[in-house]
Amino acid sequence: MAGDVFKALSDPTRREILRLLRDGDLTAGAIAERFSISKPSISHHLATLKSAGLVTAERRGQEIVYSLDATLFQELIAFALEIAGDRTPRKDAG
């Protein structure tokens, strides 16, 4: 899972898609309108984000609406804090 997440986050287009979704849910078409790349390329980016668990997709009629998956972001933050550990100097370390 972590490998998929970091791979997904490594691409600037995918990071920009996540920034767009931060402000609210968007259809695939609305996302594609914001970029100067092909719709199939946007679909590939969205599939990568979905596979990594960073976004969810819900069919509403004939459209697919994408949303951020806040649960995974909370887990990523907890993971990053765990890795960083307690960086405060210890009183007995001197």
PDB file of N, CA and C in Angstrom:
ATOM      1  N   MET A   1       0.814  -1.197   0.000  1.00  0.00           N
ATOM      2  CA  MET A   1       0.000   0.000   0.000  1.00  0.00           C
ATOM      3  C   MET A   1       0.854   1.256   0.000  1.00  0.00           C
ATOM      4  N   ALA A   2       1.825   1.341   0.895  1.00  0.00           N
ATOM      5  CA  ALA A   2       2.637   2.556   1.003  1.00  0.00           C
ATOM      6  C   ALA A   2       3.340   2.872  -0.308  1.00  0.00           C
ATOM      7  N   GLY A   3       3.825   1.832  -1.005  1.00  0.00           N
ATOM      8  CA  GLY A   3       4.491   2.050  -2.288  1.00  0.00           C
ATOM      9  C   GLY A   3       3.561   2.691  -3.296  1.00  0.00           C
ATOM     10  N   ASP A   4       2.307   2.229  -3.335  1.00  0.00           N
ATOM     11  CA  ASP A   4       1.329   2.815  -4.249  1.00  0.00           C
ATOM     12  C   ASP A   4       1.064   4.275  -3.904  1.00  0.00           C
ATOM     13  N   VAL A   5       0.991   4.577  -2.631  1.00  0.00           N
ATOM     14  CA  VAL A   5       0.722   5.947  -2.199  1.00  0.00           C
ATOM     15  C   VAL A   5       1.858   6.865  -2.608  1.00  0.00           C
ATOM     16  N   PHE A   6       3.078   6.452  -2.328  1.00  0.00           N
ATOM     17  CA  PHE A   6       4.210   7.315  -2.658  1.00  0.00           C
ATOM     18  C   PHE A   6       4.385   7.453  -4.169  1.00  0.00           C
ATOM     19  N   LYS A   7       4.114   6.383  -4.905  1.00  0.00           N
ATOM     20  CA  LYS A   7       4.156   6.466  -6.361  1.00  0.00           C
ATOM     21  C   LYS A   7       3.108   7.458  -6.855  1.00  0.00           C
ATOM     22  N   ALA A   8       1.906   7.378  -6.309  1.00  0.00           N
ATOM     23  CA  ALA A   8       0.832   8.284  -6.716  1.00  0.00           C
ATOM     24  C   ALA A   8       1.186   9.733  -6.399  1.00  0.00           C
ATOM     25  N   LEU A   9       1.781   9.958  -5.245  1.00  0.00           N
ATOM     26  CA  LEU A   9       2.119  11.322  -4.831  1.00  0.00           C
ATOM     27  C   LEU A   9       3.344  11.870  -5.548  1.00  0.00           C
ATOM     28  N   SER A  10       4.100  11.027  -6.220  1.00  0.00           N
ATOM     29  CA  SER A  10       5.330  11.475  -6.876  1.00  0.00           C
ATOM     30  C   SER A  10       5.068  12.285  -8.142  1.00  0.00           C
ATOM     31  N   ASP A  11       3.866  12.229  -8.671  1.00  0.00           N
ATOM     32  CA  ASP A  11       3.562  12.910  -9.928  1.00  0.00           C
ATOM     33  C   ASP A  11       2.900  14.265  -9.676  1.00  0.00           C
ATOM     34  N   PRO A  12       3.410  15.342 -10.283  1.00  0.00           N
ATOM     35  CA  PRO A  12       2.838  16.674 -10.040  1.00  0.00           C
ATOM     36  C   PRO A  12       1.388  16.818 -10.505  1.00  0.00           C
ATOM     37  N   THR A  13       1.002  16.132 -11.557  1.00  0.00           N
ATOM     38  CA  THR A  13      -0.393  16.213 -12.014  1.00  0.00           C
ATOM     39  C   THR A  13      -1.320  15.590 -10.978  1.00  0.00           C
ATOM     40  N   ARG A  14      -0.919  14.448 -10.427  1.00  0.00           N
ATOM     41  CA  ARG A  14      -1.745  13.809  -9.407  1.00  0.00           C
ATOM     42  C   ARG A  14      -1.813  14.647  -8.142  1.00  0.00           C
ATOM     43  N   ARG A  15      -0.711  15.291  -7.779  1.00  0.00           N
ATOM     44  CA  ARG A  15      -0.753  16.181  -6.611  1.00  0.00           C
ATOM     45  C   ARG A  15      -1.702  17.349  -6.858  1.00  0.00           C
ATOM     46  N   GLU A  16      -1.724  17.867  -8.070  1.00  0.00           N
ATOM     47  CA  GLU A  16      -2.633  18.971  -8.393  1.00  0.00           C
ATOM     48  C   GLU A  16      -4.089  18.499  -8.359  1.00  0.00           C
ATOM     49  N   ILE A  17      -4.350  17.292  -8.828  1.00  0.00           N
ATOM     50  CA  ILE A  17      -5.706  16.745  -8.740  1.00  0.00           C
ATOM     51  C   ILE A  17      -6.138  16.671  -7.274  1.00  0.00           C
ATOM     52  N   LEU A  18      -5.252  16.229  -6.403  1.00  0.00           N
ATOM     53  CA  LEU A  18      -5.577  16.163  -4.971  1.00  0.00           C
ATOM     54  C   LEU A  18      -5.859  17.550  -4.420  1.00  0.00           C
ATOM     55  N   ARG A  19      -5.096  18.558  -4.860  1.00  0.00           N
ATOM     56  CA  ARG A  19      -5.355  19.936  -4.406  1.00  0.00           C
ATOM     57  C   ARG A  19      -6.742  20.398  -4.850  1.00  0.00           C
ATOM     58  N   LEU A  20      -7.114  20.063  -6.082  1.00  0.00           N
ATOM     59  CA  LEU A  20      -8.443  20.433  -6.569  1.00  0.00           C
ATOM     60  C   LEU A  20      -9.536  19.772  -5.735  1.00  0.00           C
ATOM     61  N   LEU A  21      -9.343  18.498  -5.406  1.00  0.00           N
ATOM     62  CA  LEU A  21     -10.353  17.770  -4.642  1.00  0.00           C
ATOM     63  C   LEU A  21     -10.410  18.214  -3.182  1.00  0.00           C
ATOM     64  N   ARG A  22      -9.376  18.871  -2.730  1.00  0.00           N
ATOM     65  CA  ARG A  22      -9.364  19.396  -1.362  1.00  0.00           C
ATOM     66  C   ARG A  22     -10.517  20.382  -1.162  1.00  0.00           C
ATOM     67  N   ASP A  23     -10.889  21.078  -2.239  1.00  0.00           N
ATOM     68  CA  ASP A  23     -11.959  22.074  -2.155  1.00  0.00           C
ATOM     69  C   ASP A  23     -13.345  21.477  -2.367  1.00  0.00           C
ATOM     70  N   GLY A  24     -13.419  20.199  -2.698  1.00  0.00           N
ATOM     71  CA  GLY A  24     -14.718  19.555  -2.866  1.00  0.00           C
ATOM     72  C   GLY A  24     -14.696  18.510  -3.963  1.00  0.00           C
ATOM     73  N   ASP A  25     -15.751  17.732  -4.004  1.00  0.00           N
ATOM     74  CA  ASP A  25     -15.872  16.662  -4.988  1.00  0.00           C
ATOM     75  C   ASP A  25     -15.958  17.241  -6.398  1.00  0.00           C
ATOM     76  N   LEU A  26     -15.406  16.514  -7.360  1.00  0.00           N
ATOM     77  CA  LEU A  26     -15.446  16.934  -8.760  1.00  0.00           C
ATOM     78  C   LEU A  26     -15.681  15.726  -9.655  1.00  0.00           C
ATOM     79  N   THR A  27     -16.348  15.968 -10.771  1.00  0.00           N
ATOM     80  CA  THR A  27     -16.497  14.919 -11.769  1.00  0.00           C
ATOM     81  C   THR A  27     -15.182  14.785 -12.528  1.00  0.00           C
ATOM     82  N   ALA A  28     -15.034  13.647 -13.199  1.00  0.00           N
ATOM     83  CA  ALA A  28     -13.838  13.429 -14.007  1.00  0.00           C
ATOM     84  C   ALA A  28     -13.728  14.503 -15.082  1.00  0.00           C
ATOM     85  N   GLY A  29     -14.844  14.881 -15.673  1.00  0.00           N
ATOM     86  CA  GLY A  29     -14.838  15.916 -16.703  1.00  0.00           C
ATOM     87  C   GLY A  29     -14.397  17.269 -16.178  1.00  0.00           C
ATOM     88  N   ALA A  30     -14.860  17.626 -14.983  1.00  0.00           N
ATOM     89  CA  ALA A  30     -14.468  18.902 -14.375  1.00  0.00           C
ATOM     90  C   ALA A  30     -12.979  18.915 -14.051  1.00  0.00           C
ATOM     91  N   ILE A  31     -12.461  17.777 -13.644  1.00  0.00           N
ATOM     92  CA  ILE A  31     -11.026  17.685 -13.370  1.00  0.00           C
ATOM     93  C   ILE A  31     -10.252  17.830 -14.675  1.00  0.00           C
ATOM     94  N   ALA A  32     -10.690  17.125 -15.707  1.00  0.00           N
ATOM     95  CA  ALA A  32      -9.992  17.155 -16.997  1.00  0.00           C
ATOM     96  C   ALA A  32      -9.949  18.563 -17.583  1.00  0.00           C
ATOM     97  N   GLU A  33     -10.989  19.355 -17.361  1.00  0.00           N
ATOM     98  CA  GLU A  33     -11.038  20.728 -17.893  1.00  0.00           C
ATOM     99  C   GLU A  33      -9.930  21.614 -17.337  1.00  0.00           C
ATOM    100  N   ARG A  34      -9.396  21.258 -16.190  1.00  0.00           N
ATOM    101  CA  ARG A  34      -8.367  22.076 -15.529  1.00  0.00           C
ATOM    102  C   ARG A  34      -6.961  21.810 -16.045  1.00  0.00           C
ATOM    103  N   PHE A  35      -6.821  20.823 -16.931  1.00  0.00           N
ATOM    104  CA  PHE A  35      -5.495  20.418 -17.403  1.00  0.00           C
ATOM    105  C   PHE A  35      -5.433  20.465 -18.923  1.00  0.00           C
ATOM    106  N   SER A  36      -4.234  20.618 -19.431  1.00  0.00           N
ATOM    107  CA  SER A  36      -4.044  20.648 -20.883  1.00  0.00           C
ATOM    108  C   SER A  36      -3.480  19.326 -21.384  1.00  0.00           C
ATOM    109  N   ILE A  37      -3.919  18.240 -20.764  1.00  0.00           N
ATOM    110  CA  ILE A  37      -3.529  16.904 -21.211  1.00  0.00           C
ATOM    111  C   ILE A  37      -4.798  16.145 -21.594  1.00  0.00           C
ATOM    112  N   SER A  38      -4.634  15.029 -22.260  1.00  0.00           N
ATOM    113  CA  SER A  38      -5.783  14.286 -22.772  1.00  0.00           C
ATOM    114  C   SER A  38      -6.643  13.700 -21.645  1.00  0.00           C
ATOM    115  N   LYS A  39      -7.904  13.480 -21.957  1.00  0.00           N
ATOM    116  CA  LYS A  39      -8.806  12.858 -20.985  1.00  0.00           C
ATOM    117  C   LYS A  39      -8.349  11.448 -20.611  1.00  0.00           C
ATOM    118  N   PRO A  40      -7.850  10.662 -21.573  1.00  0.00           N
ATOM    119  CA  PRO A  40      -7.328   9.347 -21.160  1.00  0.00           C
ATOM    120  C   PRO A  40      -6.170   9.459 -20.158  1.00  0.00           C
ATOM    121  N   SER A  41      -5.330  10.489 -20.305  1.00  0.00           N
ATOM    122  CA  SER A  41      -4.239  10.680 -19.334  1.00  0.00           C
ATOM    123  C   SER A  41      -4.796  11.023 -17.959  1.00  0.00           C
ATOM    124  N   ILE A  42      -5.814  11.877 -17.924  1.00  0.00           N
ATOM    125  CA  ILE A  42      -6.450  12.220 -16.644  1.00  0.00           C
ATOM    126  C   ILE A  42      -7.076  10.969 -16.038  1.00  0.00           C
ATOM    127  N   SER A  43      -7.724  10.157 -16.852  1.00  0.00           N
ATOM    128  CA  SER A  43      -8.323   8.909 -16.357  1.00  0.00           C
ATOM    129  C   SER A  43      -7.266   8.001 -15.746  1.00  0.00           C
ATOM    130  N   HIS A  44      -6.096   7.938 -16.379  1.00  0.00           N
ATOM    131  CA  HIS A  44      -4.999   7.130 -15.836  1.00  0.00           C
ATOM    132  C   HIS A  44      -4.559   7.674 -14.473  1.00  0.00           C
ATOM    133  N   HIS A  45      -4.410   8.993 -14.366  1.00  0.00           N
ATOM    134  CA  HIS A  45      -4.017   9.600 -13.090  1.00  0.00           C
ATOM    135  C   HIS A  45      -5.064   9.322 -12.009  1.00  0.00           C
ATOM    136  N   LEU A  46      -6.340   9.458 -12.376  1.00  0.00           N
ATOM    137  CA  LEU A  46      -7.406   9.203 -11.404  1.00  0.00           C
ATOM    138  C   LEU A  46      -7.412   7.737 -10.974  1.00  0.00           C
ATOM    139  N   ALA A  47      -7.175   6.828 -11.903  1.00  0.00           N
ATOM    140  CA  ALA A  47      -7.122   5.400 -11.563  1.00  0.00           C
ATOM    141  C   ALA A  47      -5.959   5.114 -10.613  1.00  0.00           C
ATOM    142  N   THR A  48      -4.831   5.775 -10.830  1.00  0.00           N
ATOM    143  CA  THR A  48      -3.670   5.594  -9.954  1.00  0.00           C
ATOM    144  C   THR A  48      -3.982   6.101  -8.552  1.00  0.00           C
ATOM    145  N   LEU A  49      -4.612   7.271  -8.464  1.00  0.00           N
ATOM    146  CA  LEU A  49      -4.983   7.833  -7.163  1.00  0.00           C
ATOM    147  C   LEU A  49      -5.997   6.940  -6.451  1.00  0.00           C
ATOM    148  N   LYS A  50      -6.940   6.413  -7.204  1.00  0.00           N
ATOM    149  CA  LYS A  50      -7.956   5.529  -6.624  1.00  0.00           C
ATOM    150  C   LYS A  50      -7.320   4.223  -6.150  1.00  0.00           C
ATOM    151  N   SER A  51      -6.438   3.658  -6.956  1.00  0.00           N
ATOM    152  CA  SER A  51      -5.756   2.422  -6.593  1.00  0.00           C
ATOM    153  C   SER A  51      -4.916   2.582  -5.326  1.00  0.00           C
ATOM    154  N   ALA A  52      -4.349   3.765  -5.156  1.00  0.00           N
ATOM    155  CA  ALA A  52      -3.536   4.046  -3.967  1.00  0.00           C
ATOM    156  C   ALA A  52      -4.393   4.350  -2.750  1.00  0.00           C
ATOM    157  N   GLY A  53      -5.700   4.492  -2.940  1.00  0.00           N
ATOM    158  CA  GLY A  53      -6.585   4.784  -1.814  1.00  0.00           C
ATOM    159  C   GLY A  53      -6.647   6.252  -1.452  1.00  0.00           C
ATOM    160  N   LEU A  54      -6.146   7.117  -2.322  1.00  0.00           N
ATOM    161  CA  LEU A  54      -6.139   8.552  -2.024  1.00  0.00           C
ATOM    162  C   LEU A  54      -7.443   9.232  -2.406  1.00  0.00           C
ATOM    163  N   VAL A  55      -8.168   8.643  -3.349  1.00  0.00           N
ATOM    164  CA  VAL A  55      -9.468   9.184  -3.739  1.00  0.00           C
ATOM    165  C   VAL A  55     -10.481   8.049  -3.827  1.00  0.00           C
ATOM    166  N   THR A  56     -11.740   8.429  -3.734  1.00  0.00           N
ATOM    167  CA  THR A  56     -12.827   7.491  -3.967  1.00  0.00           C
ATOM    168  C   THR A  56     -13.593   7.968  -5.193  1.00  0.00           C
ATOM    169  N   ALA A  57     -14.270   7.046  -5.841  1.00  0.00           N
ATOM    170  CA  ALA A  57     -15.063   7.369  -7.020  1.00  0.00           C
ATOM    171  C   ALA A  57     -16.465   6.823  -6.821  1.00  0.00           C
ATOM    172  N   GLU A  58     -17.446   7.658  -7.131  1.00  0.00           N
ATOM    173  CA  GLU A  58     -18.840   7.247  -6.987  1.00  0.00           C
ATOM    174  C   GLU A  58     -19.596   7.616  -8.256  1.00  0.00           C
ATOM    175  N   ARG A  59     -20.275   6.635  -8.821  1.00  0.00           N
ATOM    176  CA  ARG A  59     -21.077   6.903 -10.016  1.00  0.00           C
ATOM    177  C   ARG A  59     -22.365   7.598  -9.592  1.00  0.00           C
ATOM    178  N   ARG A  60     -22.615   8.741 -10.219  1.00  0.00           N
ATOM    179  CA  ARG A  60     -23.859   9.482 -10.009  1.00  0.00           C
ATOM    180  C   ARG A  60     -24.477   9.721 -11.380  1.00  0.00           C
ATOM    181  N   GLY A  61     -25.438   8.885 -11.705  1.00  0.00           N
ATOM    182  CA  GLY A  61     -26.017   8.950 -13.047  1.00  0.00           C
ATOM    183  C   GLY A  61     -24.974   8.519 -14.066  1.00  0.00           C
ATOM    184  N   GLN A  62     -24.715   9.395 -15.033  1.00  0.00           N
ATOM    185  CA  GLN A  62     -23.739   9.073 -16.065  1.00  0.00           C
ATOM    186  C   GLN A  62     -22.342   9.592 -15.734  1.00  0.00           C
ATOM    187  N   GLU A  63     -22.193  10.231 -14.591  1.00  0.00           N
ATOM    188  CA  GLU A  63     -20.896  10.822 -14.229  1.00  0.00           C
ATOM    189  C   GLU A  63     -20.256  10.049 -13.086  1.00  0.00           C
ATOM    190  N   ILE A  64     -18.942  10.137 -13.026  1.00  0.00           N
ATOM    191  CA  ILE A  64     -18.198   9.604 -11.889  1.00  0.00           C
ATOM    192  C   ILE A  64     -17.657  10.796 -11.122  1.00  0.00           C
ATOM    193  N   VAL A  65     -17.968  10.824  -9.837  1.00  0.00           N
ATOM    194  CA  VAL A  65     -17.551  11.932  -8.980  1.00  0.00           C
ATOM    195  C   VAL A  65     -16.425  11.438  -8.075  1.00  0.00           C
ATOM    196  N   TYR A  66     -15.348  12.207  -8.042  1.00  0.00           N
ATOM    197  CA  TYR A  66     -14.166  11.859  -7.250  1.00  0.00           C
ATOM    198  C   TYR A  66     -14.109  12.703  -5.986  1.00  0.00           C
ATOM    199  N   SER A  67     -13.665  12.082  -4.899  1.00  0.00           N
ATOM    200  CA  SER A  67     -13.533  12.728  -3.602  1.00  0.00           C
ATOM    201  C   SER A  67     -12.217  12.303  -2.969  1.00  0.00           C
ATOM    202  N   LEU A  68     -11.687  13.150  -2.105  1.00  0.00           N
ATOM    203  CA  LEU A  68     -10.517  12.759  -1.319  1.00  0.00           C
ATOM    204  C   LEU A  68     -10.912  11.699  -0.315  1.00  0.00           C
ATOM    205  N   ASP A  69     -10.043  10.763  -0.053  1.00  0.00           N
ATOM    206  CA  ASP A  69     -10.266   9.781   1.001  1.00  0.00           C
ATOM    207  C   ASP A  69      -9.501  10.258   2.234  1.00  0.00           C
ATOM    208  N   ALA A  70     -10.200  10.968   3.096  1.00  0.00           N
ATOM    209  CA  ALA A  70      -9.565  11.595   4.260  1.00  0.00           C
ATOM    210  C   ALA A  70      -8.967  10.565   5.217  1.00  0.00           C
ATOM    211  N   THR A  71      -9.522   9.370   5.261  1.00  0.00           N
ATOM    212  CA  THR A  71      -9.022   8.333   6.167  1.00  0.00           C
ATOM    213  C   THR A  71      -7.561   8.023   5.880  1.00  0.00           C
ATOM    214  N   LEU A  72      -7.224   7.858   4.614  1.00  0.00           N
ATOM    215  CA  LEU A  72      -5.846   7.530   4.271  1.00  0.00           C
ATOM    216  C   LEU A  72      -4.913   8.691   4.604  1.00  0.00           C
ATOM    217  N   PHE A  73      -5.354   9.917   4.388  1.00  0.00           N
ATOM    218  CA  PHE A  73      -4.510  11.057   4.723  1.00  0.00           C
ATOM    219  C   PHE A  73      -4.239  11.112   6.225  1.00  0.00           C
ATOM    220  N   GLN A  74      -5.222  10.776   7.028  1.00  0.00           N
ATOM    221  CA  GLN A  74      -5.005  10.740   8.474  1.00  0.00           C
ATOM    222  C   GLN A  74      -3.982   9.666   8.833  1.00  0.00           C
ATOM    223  N   GLU A  75      -4.073   8.517   8.170  1.00  0.00           N
ATOM    224  CA  GLU A  75      -3.099   7.450   8.411  1.00  0.00           C
ATOM    225  C   GLU A  75      -1.699   7.874   7.979  1.00  0.00           C
ATOM    226  N   LEU A  76      -1.599   8.582   6.845  1.00  0.00           N
ATOM    227  CA  LEU A  76      -0.293   9.056   6.373  1.00  0.00           C
ATOM    228  C   LEU A  76       0.331  10.043   7.358  1.00  0.00           C
ATOM    229  N   ILE A  77      -0.487  10.928   7.892  1.00  0.00           N
ATOM    230  CA  ILE A  77       0.027  11.896   8.866  1.00  0.00           C
ATOM    231  C   ILE A  77       0.523  11.168  10.111  1.00  0.00           C
ATOM    232  N   ALA A  78      -0.252  10.217  10.586  1.00  0.00           N
ATOM    233  CA  ALA A  78       0.165   9.447  11.761  1.00  0.00           C
ATOM    234  C   ALA A  78       1.460   8.696  11.475  1.00  0.00           C
ATOM    235  N   PHE A  79       1.575   8.120  10.288  1.00  0.00           N
ATOM    236  CA  PHE A  79       2.781   7.406   9.894  1.00  0.00           C
ATOM    237  C   PHE A  79       3.975   8.345   9.861  1.00  0.00           C
ATOM    238  N   ALA A  80       3.802   9.530   9.270  1.00  0.00           N
ATOM    239  CA  ALA A  80       4.899  10.494   9.190  1.00  0.00           C
ATOM    240  C   ALA A  80       5.332  10.936  10.584  1.00  0.00           C
ATOM    241  N   LEU A  81       4.381  11.159  11.461  1.00  0.00           N
ATOM    242  CA  LEU A  81       4.731  11.554  12.827  1.00  0.00           C
ATOM    243  C   LEU A  81       5.446  10.430  13.562  1.00  0.00           C
ATOM    244  N   GLU A  82       5.042   9.212  13.305  1.00  0.00           N
ATOM    245  CA  GLU A  82       5.694   8.065  13.935  1.00  0.00           C
ATOM    246  C   GLU A  82       7.141   7.940  13.466  1.00  0.00           C
ATOM    247  N   ILE A  83       7.359   8.128  12.176  1.00  0.00           N
ATOM    248  CA  ILE A  83       8.717   8.053  11.633  1.00  0.00           C
ATOM    249  C   ILE A  83       9.585   9.175  12.195  1.00  0.00           C
ATOM    250  N   ALA A  84       9.001  10.377  12.236  1.00  0.00           N
ATOM    251  CA  ALA A  84       9.757  11.528  12.728  1.00  0.00           C
ATOM    252  C   ALA A  84      10.135  11.341  14.188  1.00  0.00           C
ATOM    253  N   GLY A  85       9.257  10.685  14.938  1.00  0.00           N
ATOM    254  CA  GLY A  85       9.531  10.435  16.340  1.00  0.00           C
ATOM    255  C   GLY A  85       9.586  11.716  17.144  1.00  0.00           C
ATOM    256  N   ASP A  86       9.959  11.579  18.360  1.00  0.00           N
ATOM    257  CA  ASP A  86      10.066  12.720  19.270  1.00  0.00           C
ATOM    258  C   ASP A  86      11.437  13.337  19.070  1.00  0.00           C
ATOM    259  N   ARG A  87      11.492  14.502  18.459  1.00  0.00           N
ATOM    260  CA  ARG A  87      12.772  15.175  18.150  1.00  0.00           C
ATOM    261  C   ARG A  87      13.148  16.220  19.209  1.00  0.00           C
ATOM    262  N   THR A  88      12.414  16.275  20.307  1.00  0.00           N
ATOM    263  CA  THR A  88      12.751  17.256  21.328  1.00  0.00           C
ATOM    264  C   THR A  88      13.955  16.770  22.114  1.00  0.00           C
ATOM    265  N   PRO A  89      14.871  17.672  22.458  1.00  0.00           N
ATOM    266  CA  PRO A  89      16.058  17.272  23.221  1.00  0.00           C
ATOM    267  C   PRO A  89      15.668  16.757  24.606  1.00  0.00           C
ATOM    268  N   ARG A  90      16.353  15.736  25.053  1.00  0.00           N
ATOM    269  CA  ARG A  90      16.095  15.170  26.362  1.00  0.00           C
ATOM    270  C   ARG A  90      16.919  15.927  27.398  1.00  0.00           C
ATOM    271  N   LYS A  91      16.352  16.073  28.581  1.00  0.00           N
ATOM    272  CA  LYS A  91      17.045  16.812  29.632  1.00  0.00           C
ATOM    273  C   LYS A  91      18.296  16.085  30.114  1.00  0.00           C
ATOM    274  N   ASP A  92      18.284  14.746  30.032  1.00  0.00           N
ATOM    275  CA  ASP A  92      19.419  13.980  30.523  1.00  0.00           C
ATOM    276  C   ASP A  92      20.462  13.698  29.429  1.00  0.00           C
ATOM    277  N   ALA A  93      20.297  14.322  28.263  1.00  0.00           N
ATOM    278  CA  ALA A  93      21.209  14.032  27.148  1.00  0.00           C
ATOM    279  C   ALA A  93      22.360  15.012  27.092  1.00  0.00           C
ATOM    280  N   GLY A  94      22.764  15.558  28.133  1.00  0.00           N
ATOM    281  CA  GLY A  94      23.743  16.577  27.989  1.00  0.00           C
ATOM    282  C   GLY A  94      24.983  16.377  28.666  1.00  0.00           C
TER     283      GLY A  94
END
